[in-house]
Amino acid sequence: MSNGKSIITGFIVGGVVSAATALLVTPTSGRELRQQIKEQSLEWKSTVDDIIQDGLRLKDQIAKTSKEGVALINELTEEMKTSIEEWKEAIEPHQENIHGYLEEIESSIKDLENKLQNQK
């Protein structure tokens, strides 16, 4: 944020110096010069106020976006946890069936081995 302040300060100082130089170098009467300085200062004040307002709006938008991002991440995390739990519950009965089938296959293989050994 200090870089932003430095840039804005640089623009303001540079603008004031260049405006003052331009006004002092141009041949005009005192009354015209004062009028031009007054108009220029009002214009610069308006520009600075606009920059400040834009900065405040940007700051507010960043804060709002950050909060929304955190909420979305939290929501996504919860949804993922729920989905994983549902997946585990859906897979668990099938795992038990697979284990049962594997035990039956092992038993069948052992029976076949025993039969083969008895036949020899």
PDB file of N, CA and C in Angstrom:
ATOM      1  N   MET A   1       0.827  -1.185   0.000  1.00  0.00           N
ATOM      2  CA  MET A   1       0.000   0.000   0.000  1.00  0.00           C
ATOM      3  C   MET A   1       0.870   1.247   0.000  1.00  0.00           C
ATOM      4  N   SER A   2       2.097   1.213   0.586  1.00  0.00           N
ATOM      5  CA  SER A   2       2.953   2.380   0.618  1.00  0.00           C
ATOM      6  C   SER A   2       3.451   2.716  -0.778  1.00  0.00           C
ATOM      7  N   ASN A   3       3.618   1.702  -1.648  1.00  0.00           N
ATOM      8  CA  ASN A   3       3.992   1.973  -3.036  1.00  0.00           C
ATOM      9  C   ASN A   3       2.891   2.758  -3.740  1.00  0.00           C
ATOM     10  N   GLY A   4       1.649   2.398  -3.470  1.00  0.00           N
ATOM     11  CA  GLY A   4       0.522   3.113  -4.065  1.00  0.00           C
ATOM     12  C   GLY A   4       0.484   4.566  -3.614  1.00  0.00           C
ATOM     13  N   LYS A   5       0.748   4.804  -2.334  1.00  0.00           N
ATOM     14  CA  LYS A   5       0.768   6.174  -1.820  1.00  0.00           C
ATOM     15  C   LYS A   5       1.913   6.960  -2.444  1.00  0.00           C
ATOM     16  N   SER A   6       3.061   6.309  -2.631  1.00  0.00           N
ATOM     17  CA  SER A   6       4.210   6.981  -3.232  1.00  0.00           C
ATOM     18  C   SER A   6       3.914   7.365  -4.671  1.00  0.00           C
ATOM     19  N   ILE A   7       3.264   6.476  -5.398  1.00  0.00           N
ATOM     20  CA  ILE A   7       2.937   6.769  -6.793  1.00  0.00           C
ATOM     21  C   ILE A   7       1.958   7.932  -6.880  1.00  0.00           C
ATOM     22  N   ILE A   8       0.925   7.898  -6.037  1.00  0.00           N
ATOM     23  CA  ILE A   8      -0.066   8.979  -6.044  1.00  0.00           C
ATOM     24  C   ILE A   8       0.588  10.294  -5.661  1.00  0.00           C
ATOM     25  N   THR A   9       1.443  10.259  -4.631  1.00  0.00           N
ATOM     26  CA  THR A   9       2.138  11.474  -4.208  1.00  0.00           C
ATOM     27  C   THR A   9       3.015  11.989  -5.341  1.00  0.00           C
ATOM     28  N   GLY A  10       3.693  11.103  -6.042  1.00  0.00           N
ATOM     29  CA  GLY A  10       4.532  11.508  -7.172  1.00  0.00           C
ATOM     30  C   GLY A  10       3.724  12.161  -8.271  1.00  0.00           C
ATOM     31  N   PHE A  11       2.554  11.584  -8.577  1.00  0.00           N
ATOM     32  CA  PHE A  11       1.700  12.179  -9.602  1.00  0.00           C
ATOM     33  C   PHE A  11       1.235  13.572  -9.190  1.00  0.00           C
ATOM     34  N   ILE A  12       0.851  13.699  -7.938  1.00  0.00           N
ATOM     35  CA  ILE A  12       0.344  14.994  -7.453  1.00  0.00           C
ATOM     36  C   ILE A  12       1.453  16.044  -7.496  1.00  0.00           C
ATOM     37  N   VAL A  13       2.613  15.701  -6.942  1.00  0.00           N
ATOM     38  CA  VAL A  13       3.721  16.670  -6.907  1.00  0.00           C
ATOM     39  C   VAL A  13       4.152  17.022  -8.328  1.00  0.00           C
ATOM     40  N   GLY A  14       4.276  15.991  -9.188  1.00  0.00           N
ATOM     41  CA  GLY A  14       4.665  16.250 -10.572  1.00  0.00           C
ATOM     42  C   GLY A  14       3.657  17.130 -11.293  1.00  0.00           C
ATOM     43  N   GLY A  15       2.384  16.874 -11.064  1.00  0.00           N
ATOM     44  CA  GLY A  15       1.329  17.666 -11.697  1.00  0.00           C
ATOM     45  C   GLY A  15       1.328  19.103 -11.229  1.00  0.00           C
ATOM     46  N   VAL A  16       1.520  19.292  -9.927  1.00  0.00           N
ATOM     47  CA  VAL A  16       1.518  20.658  -9.375  1.00  0.00           C
ATOM     48  C   VAL A  16       2.718  21.429  -9.909  1.00  0.00           C
ATOM     49  N   VAL A  17       3.883  20.782  -9.922  1.00  0.00           N
ATOM     50  CA  VAL A  17       5.091  21.463 -10.400  1.00  0.00           C
ATOM     51  C   VAL A  17       4.956  21.817 -11.873  1.00  0.00           C
ATOM     52  N   SER A  18       4.471  20.855 -12.682  1.00  0.00           N
ATOM     53  CA  SER A  18       4.340  21.139 -14.116  1.00  0.00           C
ATOM     54  C   SER A  18       3.266  22.202 -14.371  1.00  0.00           C
ATOM     55  N   ALA A  19       2.175  22.173 -13.615  1.00  0.00           N
ATOM     56  CA  ALA A  19       1.128  23.179 -13.794  1.00  0.00           C
ATOM     57  C   ALA A  19       1.637  24.561 -13.392  1.00  0.00           C
ATOM     58  N   ALA A  20       2.354  24.609 -12.281  1.00  0.00           N
ATOM     59  CA  ALA A  20       2.888  25.905 -11.828  1.00  0.00           C
ATOM     60  C   ALA A  20       3.898  26.446 -12.829  1.00  0.00           C
ATOM     61  N   THR A  21       4.746  25.569 -13.342  1.00  0.00           N
ATOM     62  CA  THR A  21       5.740  25.999 -14.326  1.00  0.00           C
ATOM     63  C   THR A  21       5.057  26.515 -15.585  1.00  0.00           C
ATOM     64  N   ALA A  22       4.074  25.783 -16.055  1.00  0.00           N
ATOM     65  CA  ALA A  22       3.367  26.200 -17.268  1.00  0.00           C
ATOM     66  C   ALA A  22       2.667  27.532 -17.061  1.00  0.00           C
ATOM     67  N   LEU A  23       2.068  27.708 -15.894  1.00  0.00           N
ATOM     68  CA  LEU A  23       1.350  28.960 -15.631  1.00  0.00           C
ATOM     69  C   LEU A  23       2.302  30.139 -15.481  1.00  0.00           C
ATOM     70  N   LEU A  24       3.446  29.914 -14.866  1.00  0.00           N
ATOM     71  CA  LEU A  24       4.390  31.010 -14.630  1.00  0.00           C
ATOM     72  C   LEU A  24       5.164  31.388 -15.899  1.00  0.00           C
ATOM     73  N   VAL A  25       5.372  30.444 -16.775  1.00  0.00           N
ATOM     74  CA  VAL A  25       6.141  30.712 -17.986  1.00  0.00           C
ATOM     75  C   VAL A  25       5.284  31.410 -19.042  1.00  0.00           C
ATOM     76  N   THR A  26       3.978  31.125 -19.071  1.00  0.00           N
ATOM     77  CA  THR A  26       3.112  31.721 -20.070  1.00  0.00           C
ATOM     78  C   THR A  26       2.830  33.175 -19.704  1.00  0.00           C
ATOM     79  N   PRO A  27       2.908  34.035 -20.673  1.00  0.00           N
ATOM     80  CA  PRO A  27       2.633  35.452 -20.371  1.00  0.00           C
ATOM     81  C   PRO A  27       1.127  35.696 -20.226  1.00  0.00           C
ATOM     82  N   THR A  28       0.713  35.987 -19.015  1.00  0.00           N
ATOM     83  CA  THR A  28      -0.693  36.317 -18.752  1.00  0.00           C
ATOM     84  C   THR A  28      -0.733  37.398 -17.688  1.00  0.00           C
ATOM     85  N   SER A  29      -1.914  37.977 -17.527  1.00  0.00           N
ATOM     86  CA  SER A  29      -2.053  39.002 -16.495  1.00  0.00           C
ATOM     87  C   SER A  29      -2.207  38.332 -15.132  1.00  0.00           C
ATOM     88  N   GLY A  30      -2.039  39.068 -14.095  1.00  0.00           N
ATOM     89  CA  GLY A  30      -2.147  38.543 -12.734  1.00  0.00           C
ATOM     90  C   GLY A  30      -3.515  37.938 -12.453  1.00  0.00           C
ATOM     91  N   ARG A  31      -4.566  38.629 -12.905  1.00  0.00           N
ATOM     92  CA  ARG A  31      -5.916  38.140 -12.683  1.00  0.00           C
ATOM     93  C   ARG A  31      -6.135  36.821 -13.430  1.00  0.00           C
ATOM     94  N   GLU A  32      -5.701  36.755 -14.685  1.00  0.00           N
ATOM     95  CA  GLU A  32      -5.842  35.525 -15.467  1.00  0.00           C
ATOM     96  C   GLU A  32      -5.029  34.391 -14.843  1.00  0.00           C
ATOM     97  N   LEU A  33      -3.822  34.747 -14.365  1.00  0.00           N
ATOM     98  CA  LEU A  33      -2.971  33.738 -13.749  1.00  0.00           C
ATOM     99  C   LEU A  33      -3.629  33.162 -12.497  1.00  0.00           C
ATOM    100  N   ARG A  34      -4.179  34.025 -11.661  1.00  0.00           N
ATOM    101  CA  ARG A  34      -4.858  33.544 -10.452  1.00  0.00           C
ATOM    102  C   ARG A  34      -6.060  32.679 -10.818  1.00  0.00           C
ATOM    103  N   GLN A  35      -6.799  33.063 -11.837  1.00  0.00           N
ATOM    104  CA  GLN A  35      -7.957  32.292 -12.273  1.00  0.00           C
ATOM    105  C   GLN A  35      -7.528  30.911 -12.785  1.00  0.00           C
ATOM    106  N   GLN A  36      -6.448  30.906 -13.570  1.00  0.00           N
ATOM    107  CA  GLN A  36      -5.945  29.634 -14.089  1.00  0.00           C
ATOM    108  C   GLN A  36      -5.450  28.737 -12.955  1.00  0.00           C
ATOM    109  N   ILE A  37      -4.757  29.329 -11.987  1.00  0.00           N
ATOM    110  CA  ILE A  37      -4.265  28.546 -10.839  1.00  0.00           C
ATOM    111  C   ILE A  37      -5.446  27.980 -10.062  1.00  0.00           C
ATOM    112  N   LYS A  38      -6.468  28.797  -9.853  1.00  0.00           N
ATOM    113  CA  LYS A  38      -7.655  28.325  -9.125  1.00  0.00           C
ATOM    114  C   LYS A  38      -8.330  27.179  -9.878  1.00  0.00           C
ATOM    115  N   GLU A  39      -8.498  27.327 -11.192  1.00  0.00           N
ATOM    116  CA  GLU A  39      -9.136  26.271 -11.995  1.00  0.00           C
ATOM    117  C   GLU A  39      -8.295  24.996 -11.980  1.00  0.00           C
ATOM    118  N   GLN A  40      -6.979  25.182 -12.119  1.00  0.00           N
ATOM    119  CA  GLN A  40      -6.087  24.028 -12.123  1.00  0.00           C
ATOM    120  C   GLN A  40      -6.118  23.309 -10.775  1.00  0.00           C
ATOM    121  N   SER A  41      -6.138  24.056  -9.687  1.00  0.00           N
ATOM    122  CA  SER A  41      -6.156  23.431  -8.360  1.00  0.00           C
ATOM    123  C   SER A  41      -7.476  22.678  -8.135  1.00  0.00           C
ATOM    124  N   LEU A  42      -8.586  23.243  -8.599  1.00  0.00           N
ATOM    125  CA  LEU A  42      -9.872  22.549  -8.474  1.00  0.00           C
ATOM    126  C   LEU A  42      -9.886  21.269  -9.303  1.00  0.00           C
ATOM    127  N   GLU A  43      -9.279  21.333 -10.486  1.00  0.00           N
ATOM    128  CA  GLU A  43      -9.210  20.154 -11.344  1.00  0.00           C
ATOM    129  C   GLU A  43      -8.360  19.063 -10.687  1.00  0.00           C
ATOM    130  N   TRP A  44      -7.226  19.470 -10.125  1.00  0.00           N
ATOM    131  CA  TRP A  44      -6.362  18.485  -9.456  1.00  0.00           C
ATOM    132  C   TRP A  44      -7.032  17.909  -8.216  1.00  0.00           C
ATOM    133  N   LYS A  45      -7.737  18.747  -7.475  1.00  0.00           N
ATOM    134  CA  LYS A  45      -8.442  18.253  -6.289  1.00  0.00           C
ATOM    135  C   LYS A  45      -9.485  17.222  -6.689  1.00  0.00           C
ATOM    136  N   SER A  46     -10.202  17.496  -7.769  1.00  0.00           N
ATOM    137  CA  SER A  46     -11.202  16.557  -8.258  1.00  0.00           C
ATOM    138  C   SER A  46     -10.554  15.241  -8.691  1.00  0.00           C
ATOM    139  N   THR A  47      -9.422  15.337  -9.370  1.00  0.00           N
ATOM    140  CA  THR A  47      -8.716  14.134  -9.813  1.00  0.00           C
ATOM    141  C   THR A  47      -8.245  13.315  -8.625  1.00  0.00           C
ATOM    142  N   VAL A  48      -7.678  13.968  -7.634  1.00  0.00           N
ATOM    143  CA  VAL A  48      -7.199  13.265  -6.436  1.00  0.00           C
ATOM    144  C   VAL A  48      -8.367  12.621  -5.691  1.00  0.00           C
ATOM    145  N   ASP A  49      -9.474  13.339  -5.578  1.00  0.00           N
ATOM    146  CA  ASP A  49     -10.653  12.765  -4.915  1.00  0.00           C
ATOM    147  C   ASP A  49     -11.155  11.523  -5.663  1.00  0.00           C
ATOM    148  N   ASP A  50     -11.150  11.593  -7.002  1.00  0.00           N
ATOM    149  CA  ASP A  50     -11.559  10.431  -7.797  1.00  0.00           C
ATOM    150  C   ASP A  50     -10.633   9.246  -7.563  1.00  0.00           C
ATOM    151  N   ILE A  51      -9.333   9.502  -7.532  1.00  0.00           N
ATOM    152  CA  ILE A  51      -8.353   8.435  -7.291  1.00  0.00           C
ATOM    153  C   ILE A  51      -8.572   7.818  -5.911  1.00  0.00           C
ATOM    154  N   ILE A  52      -8.812   8.641  -4.921  1.00  0.00           N
ATOM    155  CA  ILE A  52      -9.048   8.136  -3.563  1.00  0.00           C
ATOM    156  C   ILE A  52     -10.317   7.291  -3.516  1.00  0.00           C
ATOM    157  N   GLN A  53     -11.382   7.763  -4.148  1.00  0.00           N
ATOM    158  CA  GLN A  53     -12.639   7.010  -4.163  1.00  0.00           C
ATOM    159  C   GLN A  53     -12.476   5.674  -4.888  1.00  0.00           C
ATOM    160  N   ASP A  54     -11.758   5.705  -6.024  1.00  0.00           N
ATOM    161  CA  ASP A  54     -11.506   4.459  -6.762  1.00  0.00           C
ATOM    162  C   ASP A  54     -10.693   3.490  -5.908  1.00  0.00           C
ATOM    163  N   GLY A  55      -9.707   3.996  -5.189  1.00  0.00           N
ATOM    164  CA  GLY A  55      -8.898   3.148  -4.310  1.00  0.00           C
ATOM    165  C   GLY A  55      -9.731   2.520  -3.201  1.00  0.00           C
ATOM    166  N   LEU A  56     -10.630   3.311  -2.613  1.00  0.00           N
ATOM    167  CA  LEU A  56     -11.489   2.782  -1.550  1.00  0.00           C
ATOM    168  C   LEU A  56     -12.450   1.718  -2.093  1.00  0.00           C
ATOM    169  N   ARG A  57     -13.013   1.968  -3.286  1.00  0.00           N
ATOM    170  CA  ARG A  57     -13.896   0.972  -3.893  1.00  0.00           C
ATOM    171  C   ARG A  57     -13.133  -0.316  -4.207  1.00  0.00           C
ATOM    172  N   LEU A  58     -11.914  -0.162  -4.699  1.00  0.00           N
ATOM    173  CA  LEU A  58     -11.092  -1.331  -5.007  1.00  0.00           C
ATOM    174  C   LEU A  58     -10.778  -2.114  -3.738  1.00  0.00           C
ATOM    175  N   LYS A  59     -10.444  -1.414  -2.674  1.00  0.00           N
ATOM    176  CA  LYS A  59     -10.155  -2.070  -1.390  1.00  0.00           C
ATOM    177  C   LYS A  59     -11.375  -2.840  -0.895  1.00  0.00           C
ATOM    178  N   ASP A  60     -12.542  -2.219  -0.972  1.00  0.00           N
ATOM    179  CA  ASP A  60     -13.771  -2.886  -0.539  1.00  0.00           C
ATOM    180  C   ASP A  60     -14.077  -4.113  -1.398  1.00  0.00           C
ATOM    181  N   GLN A  61     -13.874  -3.984  -2.708  1.00  0.00           N
ATOM    182  CA  GLN A  61     -14.138  -5.108  -3.610  1.00  0.00           C
ATOM    183  C   GLN A  61     -13.182  -6.264  -3.338  1.00  0.00           C
ATOM    184  N   ILE A  62     -11.923  -5.952  -3.068  1.00  0.00           N
ATOM    185  CA  ILE A  62     -10.946  -7.003  -2.756  1.00  0.00           C
ATOM    186  C   ILE A  62     -11.333  -7.715  -1.470  1.00  0.00           C
ATOM    187  N   ALA A  63     -11.733  -6.965  -0.459  1.00  0.00           N
ATOM    188  CA  ALA A  63     -12.145  -7.575   0.805  1.00  0.00           C
ATOM    189  C   ALA A  63     -13.367  -8.468   0.594  1.00  0.00           C
ATOM    190  N   LYS A  64     -14.336  -7.986  -0.169  1.00  0.00           N
ATOM    191  CA  LYS A  64     -15.556  -8.761  -0.434  1.00  0.00           C
ATOM    192  C   LYS A  64     -15.225 -10.033  -1.206  1.00  0.00           C
ATOM    193  N   THR A  65     -14.389  -9.908  -2.224  1.00  0.00           N
ATOM    194  CA  THR A  65     -14.006 -11.066  -3.032  1.00  0.00           C
ATOM    195  C   THR A  65     -13.253 -12.081  -2.184  1.00  0.00           C
ATOM    196  N   SER A  66     -12.386 -11.619  -1.311  1.00  0.00           N
ATOM    197  CA  SER A  66     -11.643 -12.536  -0.433  1.00  0.00           C
ATOM    198  C   SER A  66     -12.590 -13.311   0.474  1.00  0.00           C
ATOM    199  N   LYS A  67     -13.549 -12.626   1.054  1.00  0.00           N
ATOM    200  CA  LYS A  67     -14.514 -13.299   1.932  1.00  0.00           C
ATOM    201  C   LYS A  67     -15.333 -14.322   1.155  1.00  0.00           C
ATOM    202  N   GLU A  68     -15.761 -13.954  -0.048  1.00  0.00           N
ATOM    203  CA  GLU A  68     -16.534 -14.887  -0.867  1.00  0.00           C
ATOM    204  C   GLU A  68     -15.687 -16.097  -1.250  1.00  0.00           C
ATOM    205  N   GLY A  69     -14.414 -15.854  -1.548  1.00  0.00           N
ATOM    206  CA  GLY A  69     -13.513 -16.950  -1.902  1.00  0.00           C
ATOM    207  C   GLY A  69     -13.340 -17.924  -0.757  1.00  0.00           C
ATOM    208  N   VAL A  70     -13.170 -17.397   0.454  1.00  0.00           N
ATOM    209  CA  VAL A  70     -13.015 -18.259   1.625  1.00  0.00           C
ATOM    210  C   VAL A  70     -14.285 -19.078   1.839  1.00  0.00           C
ATOM    211  N   ALA A  71     -15.433 -18.442   1.694  1.00  0.00           N
ATOM    212  CA  ALA A  71     -16.701 -19.158   1.874  1.00  0.00           C
ATOM    213  C   ALA A  71     -16.853 -20.262   0.822  1.00  0.00           C
ATOM    214  N   LEU A  72     -16.497 -19.967  -0.421  1.00  0.00           N
ATOM    215  CA  LEU A  72     -16.603 -20.981  -1.471  1.00  0.00           C
ATOM    216  C   LEU A  72     -15.655 -22.147  -1.230  1.00  0.00           C
ATOM    217  N   ILE A  73     -14.449 -21.849  -0.785  1.00  0.00           N
ATOM    218  CA  ILE A  73     -13.484 -22.915  -0.499  1.00  0.00           C
ATOM    219  C   ILE A  73     -13.982 -23.785   0.647  1.00  0.00           C
ATOM    220  N   ASN A  74     -14.511 -23.166   1.686  1.00  0.00           N
ATOM    221  CA  ASN A  74     -15.056 -23.938   2.807  1.00  0.00           C
ATOM    222  C   ASN A  74     -16.224 -24.819   2.352  1.00  0.00           C
ATOM    223  N   GLU A  75     -17.086 -24.271   1.539  1.00  0.00           N
ATOM    224  CA  GLU A  75     -18.238 -25.029   1.033  1.00  0.00           C
ATOM    225  C   GLU A  75     -17.766 -26.198   0.169  1.00  0.00           C
ATOM    226  N   LEU A  76     -16.801 -25.943  -0.693  1.00  0.00           N
ATOM    227  CA  LEU A  76     -16.263 -26.997  -1.556  1.00  0.00           C
ATOM    228  C   LEU A  76     -15.615 -28.100  -0.723  1.00  0.00           C
ATOM    229  N   THR A  77     -14.890 -27.716   0.311  1.00  0.00           N
ATOM    230  CA  THR A  77     -14.242 -28.694   1.187  1.00  0.00           C
ATOM    231  C   THR A  77     -15.276 -29.587   1.854  1.00  0.00           C
ATOM    232  N   GLU A  78     -16.336 -28.988   2.348  1.00  0.00           N
ATOM    233  CA  GLU A  78     -17.390 -29.770   3.001  1.00  0.00           C
ATOM    234  C   GLU A  78     -18.069 -30.713   2.001  1.00  0.00           C
ATOM    235  N   GLU A  79     -18.323 -30.211   0.796  1.00  0.00           N
ATOM    236  CA  GLU A  79     -18.952 -31.058  -0.221  1.00  0.00           C
ATOM    237  C   GLU A  79     -18.050 -32.234  -0.590  1.00  0.00           C
ATOM    238  N   MET A  80     -16.759 -31.974  -0.674  1.00  0.00           N
ATOM    239  CA  MET A  80     -15.821 -33.054  -0.997  1.00  0.00           C
ATOM    240  C   MET A  80     -15.776 -34.090   0.122  1.00  0.00           C
ATOM    241  N   LYS A  81     -15.775 -33.639   1.372  1.00  0.00           N
ATOM    242  CA  LYS A  81     -15.787 -34.572   2.502  1.00  0.00           C
ATOM    243  C   LYS A  81     -17.040 -35.445   2.453  1.00  0.00           C
ATOM    244  N   THR A  82     -18.170 -34.819   2.201  1.00  0.00           N
ATOM    245  CA  THR A  82     -19.431 -35.556   2.124  1.00  0.00           C
ATOM    246  C   THR A  82     -19.385 -36.567   0.976  1.00  0.00           C
ATOM    247  N   SER A  83     -18.892 -36.135  -0.177  1.00  0.00           N
ATOM    248  CA  SER A  83     -18.818 -37.040  -1.329  1.00  0.00           C
ATOM    249  C   SER A  83     -17.904 -38.229  -1.043  1.00  0.00           C
ATOM    250  N   ILE A  84     -16.797 -37.989  -0.392  1.00  0.00           N
ATOM    251  CA  ILE A  84     -15.860 -39.070  -0.071  1.00  0.00           C
ATOM    252  C   ILE A  84     -16.497 -40.051   0.905  1.00  0.00           C
ATOM    253  N   GLU A  85     -17.185 -39.522   1.902  1.00  0.00           N
ATOM    254  CA  GLU A  85     -17.858 -40.399   2.869  1.00  0.00           C
ATOM    255  C   GLU A  85     -18.934 -41.238   2.178  1.00  0.00           C
ATOM    256  N   GLU A  86     -19.702 -40.619   1.285  1.00  0.00           N
ATOM    257  CA  GLU A  86     -20.741 -41.361   0.557  1.00  0.00           C
ATOM    258  C   GLU A  86     -20.109 -42.431  -0.326  1.00  0.00           C
ATOM    259  N   TRP A  87     -18.991 -42.103  -0.956  1.00  0.00           N
ATOM    260  CA  TRP A  87     -18.287 -43.068  -1.806  1.00  0.00           C
ATOM    261  C   TRP A  87     -17.784 -44.244  -0.982  1.00  0.00           C
ATOM    262  N   LYS A  88     -17.220 -43.943   0.184  1.00  0.00           N
ATOM    263  CA  LYS A  88     -16.741 -45.016   1.059  1.00  0.00           C
ATOM    264  C   LYS A  88     -17.891 -45.936   1.468  1.00  0.00           C
ATOM    265  N   GLU A  89     -19.014 -45.337   1.818  1.00  0.00           N
ATOM    266  CA  GLU A  89     -20.178 -46.139   2.222  1.00  0.00           C
ATOM    267  C   GLU A  89     -20.692 -46.979   1.052  1.00  0.00           C
ATOM    268  N   ALA A  90     -20.639 -46.438  -0.152  1.00  0.00           N
ATOM    269  CA  ALA A  90     -21.127 -47.176  -1.322  1.00  0.00           C
ATOM    270  C   ALA A  90     -20.177 -48.317  -1.687  1.00  0.00           C
ATOM    271  N   ILE A  91     -18.907 -48.135  -1.483  1.00  0.00           N
ATOM    272  CA  ILE A  91     -17.904 -49.132  -1.859  1.00  0.00           C
ATOM    273  C   ILE A  91     -17.767 -50.238  -0.807  1.00  0.00           C
ATOM    274  N   GLU A  92     -18.001 -49.909   0.444  1.00  0.00           N
ATOM    275  CA  GLU A  92     -17.762 -50.867   1.535  1.00  0.00           C
ATOM    276  C   GLU A  92     -18.467 -52.212   1.343  1.00  0.00           C
ATOM    277  N   PRO A  93     -19.754 -52.271   1.018  1.00  0.00           N
ATOM    278  CA  PRO A  93     -20.393 -53.578   0.826  1.00  0.00           C
ATOM    279  C   PRO A  93     -19.743 -54.373  -0.313  1.00  0.00           C
ATOM    280  N   HIS A  94     -19.329 -53.699  -1.340  1.00  0.00           N
ATOM    281  CA  HIS A  94     -18.687 -54.377  -2.458  1.00  0.00           C
ATOM    282  C   HIS A  94     -17.323 -54.933  -2.048  1.00  0.00           C
ATOM    283  N   GLN A  95     -16.630 -54.224  -1.192  1.00  0.00           N
ATOM    284  CA  GLN A  95     -15.341 -54.715  -0.709  1.00  0.00           C
ATOM    285  C   GLN A  95     -15.528 -56.024   0.059  1.00  0.00           C
ATOM    286  N   GLU A  96     -16.554 -56.058   0.864  1.00  0.00           N
ATOM    287  CA  GLU A  96     -16.814 -57.284   1.625  1.00  0.00           C
ATOM    288  C   GLU A  96     -17.152 -58.437   0.670  1.00  0.00           C
ATOM    289  N   ASN A  97     -17.930 -58.171  -0.363  1.00  0.00           N
ATOM    290  CA  ASN A  97     -18.257 -59.205  -1.359  1.00  0.00           C
ATOM    291  C   ASN A  97     -16.998 -59.689  -2.068  1.00  0.00           C
ATOM    292  N   ILE A  98     -16.142 -58.756  -2.437  1.00  0.00           N
ATOM    293  CA  ILE A  98     -14.902 -59.128  -3.120  1.00  0.00           C
ATOM    294  C   ILE A  98     -14.047 -60.003  -2.214  1.00  0.00           C
ATOM    295  N   HIS A  99     -13.939 -59.642  -0.948  1.00  0.00           N
ATOM    296  CA  HIS A  99     -13.173 -60.460  -0.009  1.00  0.00           C
ATOM    297  C   HIS A  99     -13.780 -61.865   0.103  1.00  0.00           C
ATOM    298  N   GLY A 100     -15.081 -61.908   0.137  1.00  0.00           N
ATOM    299  CA  GLY A 100     -15.761 -63.206   0.199  1.00  0.00           C
ATOM    300  C   GLY A 100     -15.470 -64.045  -1.037  1.00  0.00           C
ATOM    301  N   TYR A 101     -15.549 -63.409  -2.228  1.00  0.00           N
ATOM    302  CA  TYR A 101     -15.255 -64.125  -3.470  1.00  0.00           C
ATOM    303  C   TYR A 101     -13.809 -64.605  -3.494  1.00  0.00           C
ATOM    304  N   LEU A 102     -12.905 -63.764  -3.029  1.00  0.00           N
ATOM    305  CA  LEU A 102     -11.490 -64.160  -2.994  1.00  0.00           C
ATOM    306  C   LEU A 102     -11.269 -65.346  -2.056  1.00  0.00           C
ATOM    307  N   GLU A 103     -11.935 -65.339  -0.934  1.00  0.00           N
ATOM    308  CA  GLU A 103     -11.807 -66.475  -0.005  1.00  0.00           C
ATOM    309  C   GLU A 103     -12.356 -67.749  -0.638  1.00  0.00           C
ATOM    310  N   GLU A 104     -13.473 -67.633  -1.354  1.00  0.00           N
ATOM    311  CA  GLU A 104     -14.039 -68.794  -2.039  1.00  0.00           C
ATOM    312  C   GLU A 104     -13.087 -69.305  -3.122  1.00  0.00           C
ATOM    313  N   ILE A 105     -12.482 -68.387  -3.850  1.00  0.00           N
ATOM    314  CA  ILE A 105     -11.534 -68.789  -4.896  1.00  0.00           C
ATOM    315  C   ILE A 105     -10.323 -69.479  -4.275  1.00  0.00           C
ATOM    316  N   GLU A 106      -9.802 -68.930  -3.186  1.00  0.00           N
ATOM    317  CA  GLU A 106      -8.666 -69.551  -2.502  1.00  0.00           C
ATOM    318  C   GLU A 106      -9.031 -70.955  -2.034  1.00  0.00           C
ATOM    319  N   SER A 107     -10.208 -71.071  -1.490  1.00  0.00           N
ATOM    320  CA  SER A 107     -10.658 -72.377  -1.009  1.00  0.00           C
ATOM    321  C   SER A 107     -10.776 -73.361  -2.172  1.00  0.00           C
ATOM    322  N   SER A 108     -11.338 -72.908  -3.298  1.00  0.00           N
ATOM    323  CA  SER A 108     -11.469 -73.768  -4.472  1.00  0.00           C
ATOM    324  C   SER A 108     -10.105 -74.188  -4.991  1.00  0.00           C
ATOM    325  N   ILE A 109      -9.160 -73.274  -5.011  1.00  0.00           N
ATOM    326  CA  ILE A 109      -7.811 -73.584  -5.477  1.00  0.00           C
ATOM    327  C   ILE A 109      -7.159 -74.619  -4.568  1.00  0.00           C
ATOM    328  N   LYS A 110      -7.330 -74.456  -3.266  1.00  0.00           N
ATOM    329  CA  LYS A 110      -6.764 -75.426  -2.322  1.00  0.00           C
ATOM    330  C   LYS A 110      -7.401 -76.808  -2.525  1.00  0.00           C
ATOM    331  N   ASP A 111      -8.700 -76.829  -2.737  1.00  0.00           N
ATOM    332  CA  ASP A 111      -9.388 -78.101  -2.984  1.00  0.00           C
ATOM    333  C   ASP A 111      -8.847 -78.761  -4.257  1.00  0.00           C
ATOM    334  N   LEU A 112      -8.658 -77.952  -5.286  1.00  0.00           N
ATOM    335  CA  LEU A 112      -8.124 -78.478  -6.548  1.00  0.00           C
ATOM    336  C   LEU A 112      -6.700 -79.001  -6.354  1.00  0.00           C
ATOM    337  N   GLU A 113      -5.919 -78.282  -5.615  1.00  0.00           N
ATOM    338  CA  GLU A 113      -4.546 -78.718  -5.354  1.00  0.00           C
ATOM    339  C   GLU A 113      -4.548 -80.053  -4.598  1.00  0.00           C
ATOM    340  N   ASN A 114      -5.409 -80.132  -3.605  1.00  0.00           N
ATOM    341  CA  ASN A 114      -5.493 -81.360  -2.837  1.00  0.00           C
ATOM    342  C   ASN A 114      -5.950 -82.533  -3.736  1.00  0.00           C
ATOM    343  N   LYS A 115      -6.919 -82.278  -4.590  1.00  0.00           N
ATOM    344  CA  LYS A 115      -7.386 -83.331  -5.492  1.00  0.00           C
ATOM    345  C   LYS A 115      -6.278 -83.773  -6.454  1.00  0.00           C
ATOM    346  N   LEU A 116      -5.528 -82.800  -6.948  1.00  0.00           N
ATOM    347  CA  LEU A 116      -4.418 -83.100  -7.862  1.00  0.00           C
ATOM    348  C   LEU A 116      -3.328 -83.916  -7.152  1.00  0.00           C
ATOM    349  N   GLN A 117      -3.055 -83.561  -5.925  1.00  0.00           N
ATOM    350  CA  GLN A 117      -2.041 -84.300  -5.169  1.00  0.00           C
ATOM    351  C   GLN A 117      -2.522 -85.711  -4.863  1.00  0.00           C
ATOM    352  N   ASN A 118      -3.784 -85.862  -4.577  1.00  0.00           N
ATOM    353  CA  ASN A 118      -4.342 -87.187  -4.270  1.00  0.00           C
ATOM    354  C   ASN A 118      -4.373 -88.054  -5.517  1.00  0.00           C
ATOM    355  N   GLN A 119      -4.536 -87.463  -6.676  1.00  0.00           N
ATOM    356  CA  GLN A 119      -4.570 -88.235  -7.914  1.00  0.00           C
ATOM    357  C   GLN A 119      -3.173 -88.704  -8.321  1.00  0.00           C
ATOM    358  N   LYS A 120      -2.154 -88.066  -7.896  1.00  0.00           N
ATOM    359  CA  LYS A 120      -0.809 -88.454  -8.278  1.00  0.00           C
ATOM    360  C   LYS A 120      -0.361 -89.614  -7.502  1.00  0.00           C
TER     361      LYS A 120
END
